[in-house]
Protein backbone atom coordinates (compact mmCIF):
# COMPACT_ATOMS: atom_id res chain seq x y z
CA MET A 1 -10.09 -3.51 11.19
CA ALA A 2 -9.59 -0.26 13.03
CA ARG A 3 -11.58 2.42 11.20
CA VAL A 4 -14.13 2.25 8.37
CA THR A 5 -16.23 5.04 6.87
CA ILE A 6 -18.81 4.38 4.18
CA ILE A 7 -20.23 7.41 2.35
CA PRO A 8 -22.85 6.28 -0.18
CA ASP A 9 -23.48 9.72 -1.76
CA ASP A 10 -19.79 9.88 -2.74
CA ASN A 11 -19.49 6.16 -3.63
CA THR A 12 -16.57 6.14 -1.21
CA VAL A 13 -15.28 3.77 1.44
CA LEU A 14 -12.34 4.67 3.65
CA VAL A 15 -10.45 1.99 5.55
CA ASP A 16 -7.88 3.31 7.99
CA GLY A 17 -7.85 6.59 6.05
CA GLU A 18 -7.39 5.11 2.57
CA ALA A 19 -10.29 6.12 0.32
CA ARG A 20 -11.47 4.17 -2.72
CA GLU A 21 -14.45 4.73 -4.97
CA ILE A 22 -16.73 1.69 -5.16
CA SER A 23 -20.25 0.69 -6.14
CA MET A 24 -22.84 1.33 -3.45
CA ALA A 25 -25.37 -1.01 -5.06
CA GLY A 26 -27.53 -2.55 -2.37
CA ILE A 27 -27.06 0.06 0.34
CA ASP A 28 -30.11 1.56 2.02
CA PRO A 29 -30.73 4.93 0.28
CA THR A 30 -31.57 6.56 3.63
CA ILE A 31 -28.00 6.02 4.90
CA HIS A 32 -25.82 9.11 4.83
CA ALA A 33 -22.76 7.38 6.32
CA VAL A 34 -21.58 4.42 8.32
CA GLN A 35 -18.80 4.97 10.84
CA TRP A 36 -16.97 2.01 12.37
CA PHE A 37 -14.38 2.25 15.16
CA ASP A 38 -12.73 -1.11 16.01
CA THR A 39 -15.67 -2.87 17.72
CA ALA A 40 -18.62 -0.50 17.41
CA GLY A 41 -20.00 2.21 15.19
CA GLU A 42 -23.06 4.04 14.01
CA ILE A 43 -25.24 4.56 11.00
CA GLU A 44 -26.02 8.17 10.12
CA TYR A 45 -29.26 8.69 8.20
CA ASN A 46 -30.21 11.38 5.68
CA ASP A 47 -33.96 11.31 6.35
CA GLY A 48 -34.09 12.75 9.84
CA LYS A 49 -33.86 9.44 11.74
CA ARG A 50 -31.60 9.39 14.78
CA HIS A 51 -28.19 7.80 14.38
CA LYS A 52 -28.19 4.10 15.14
CA LYS A 53 -25.45 2.42 17.20
CA ILE A 54 -24.14 -0.81 15.68
CA PHE A 55 -21.97 -3.54 17.16
CA SER A 56 -21.30 -5.57 14.02
CA ILE A 57 -19.88 -4.43 10.69
CA SER A 58 -21.18 -7.62 9.01
CA PRO A 59 -24.14 -5.96 7.22
CA PHE A 60 -21.63 -3.68 5.47
CA GLN A 61 -18.89 -6.25 4.81
CA VAL A 62 -19.81 -6.35 1.11
CA PHE A 63 -18.71 -2.70 0.79
CA ILE A 64 -15.43 -3.41 2.58
CA ASP A 65 -14.90 -6.35 0.21
CA ARG A 66 -15.51 -4.03 -2.75
CA TRP A 67 -13.01 -1.58 -1.25
CA THR A 68 -10.44 -4.39 -1.07
CA ALA A 69 -11.14 -5.46 -4.65
CA ALA A 70 -10.76 -1.85 -5.87
CA GLY A 71 -7.21 -1.64 -4.54
CA PRO A 72 -4.03 -2.12 -6.50
CA PRO A 73 -2.99 -5.71 -7.13
CA PRO A 74 -0.35 -7.10 -4.80
CA PRO A 75 3.21 -6.68 -6.04
CA GLY A 76 4.51 -9.48 -8.20
CA PRO A 77 7.77 -11.30 -7.65
CA ASP A 78 10.96 -9.31 -8.00
CA THR A 79 12.32 -10.34 -11.39
CA ARG A 80 15.38 -8.12 -11.38
CA THR A 81 18.75 -9.77 -11.79
CA ASP A 82 21.24 -9.59 -8.94
CA ARG A 83 23.20 -7.09 -10.99
CA GLN A 84 20.13 -4.85 -11.39
CA LYS A 85 19.39 -5.06 -7.66
CA ILE A 86 22.92 -3.87 -6.92
CA ILE A 87 22.62 -1.03 -9.44
CA ASP A 88 19.24 0.03 -8.02
CA ARG A 89 20.60 -0.04 -4.46
CA LEU A 90 23.58 2.11 -5.42
CA ARG A 91 21.38 4.56 -7.35
CA GLY A 92 19.13 4.93 -4.34
CA ASP A 93 21.94 5.64 -1.89
CA PRO A 94 24.42 8.26 -3.15
CA VAL A 95 26.61 7.98 -0.04
CA LEU A 96 26.96 4.21 -0.43
CA LYS A 97 27.62 4.66 -4.14
CA ALA A 98 30.43 7.14 -3.46
CA GLN A 99 31.96 4.85 -0.82
CA VAL A 100 31.88 1.84 -3.15
CA ILE A 101 33.40 3.76 -6.06
CA ASP A 102 36.11 5.21 -3.81
CA SER A 103 36.88 1.73 -2.51
CA PHE A 104 37.27 0.32 -6.01
CA GLU A 105 39.32 3.26 -7.24
CA ALA A 106 41.63 2.86 -4.25
CA ARG A 107 42.27 -0.70 -5.49
CA GLY A 108 42.86 0.49 -9.05
CA ILE A 109 39.50 -0.69 -10.43
CA THR A 110 37.98 2.10 -12.49
CA ASP A 111 35.92 0.22 -15.09
CA LYS A 112 32.20 0.18 -14.16
CA GLN A 113 31.67 -3.34 -15.53
CA GLN A 114 34.55 -4.66 -13.42
CA MET A 115 33.07 -2.91 -10.38
CA LEU A 116 29.66 -4.47 -10.98
CA ALA A 117 31.14 -7.90 -11.54
CA ALA A 118 33.09 -7.66 -8.28
CA LEU A 119 30.02 -6.48 -6.38
CA GLU A 120 27.89 -9.21 -7.91
CA ALA A 121 30.39 -11.87 -6.91
CA LYS A 122 30.66 -10.58 -3.35
CA PHE A 123 27.02 -9.73 -2.57
CA ALA A 124 24.83 -11.79 -4.90
CA ASP A 125 23.74 -14.13 -2.10
CA THR A 126 22.71 -11.27 0.21
CA ILE A 127 20.44 -9.41 -2.19
């Protein structure tokens, strides 16, 4: 873990720049912020105490775990059909789409369903 910032007053944890709002239940109320840089960090206090150097993030792991839990769920399996994958790829790349259409038209294929069927037959195993 490269960089962690915990800001209790804002109910915010940042991990490598990505901020998420989480519960700060259980954190010492005198902590203004915790900064962690790879292998060391510091605790910043809000009551006048000097900053404290730390060499383990373990006491704050619960807040990192909450940050992880607050994130979006991992993507599910791709349930698109091969035909839909081809359509999506062509929609996302106008140059490729134009080249494919030109190629089919040069062979006398102008019907979109025939084009898709030909693409599906040729590229289904590579998608």
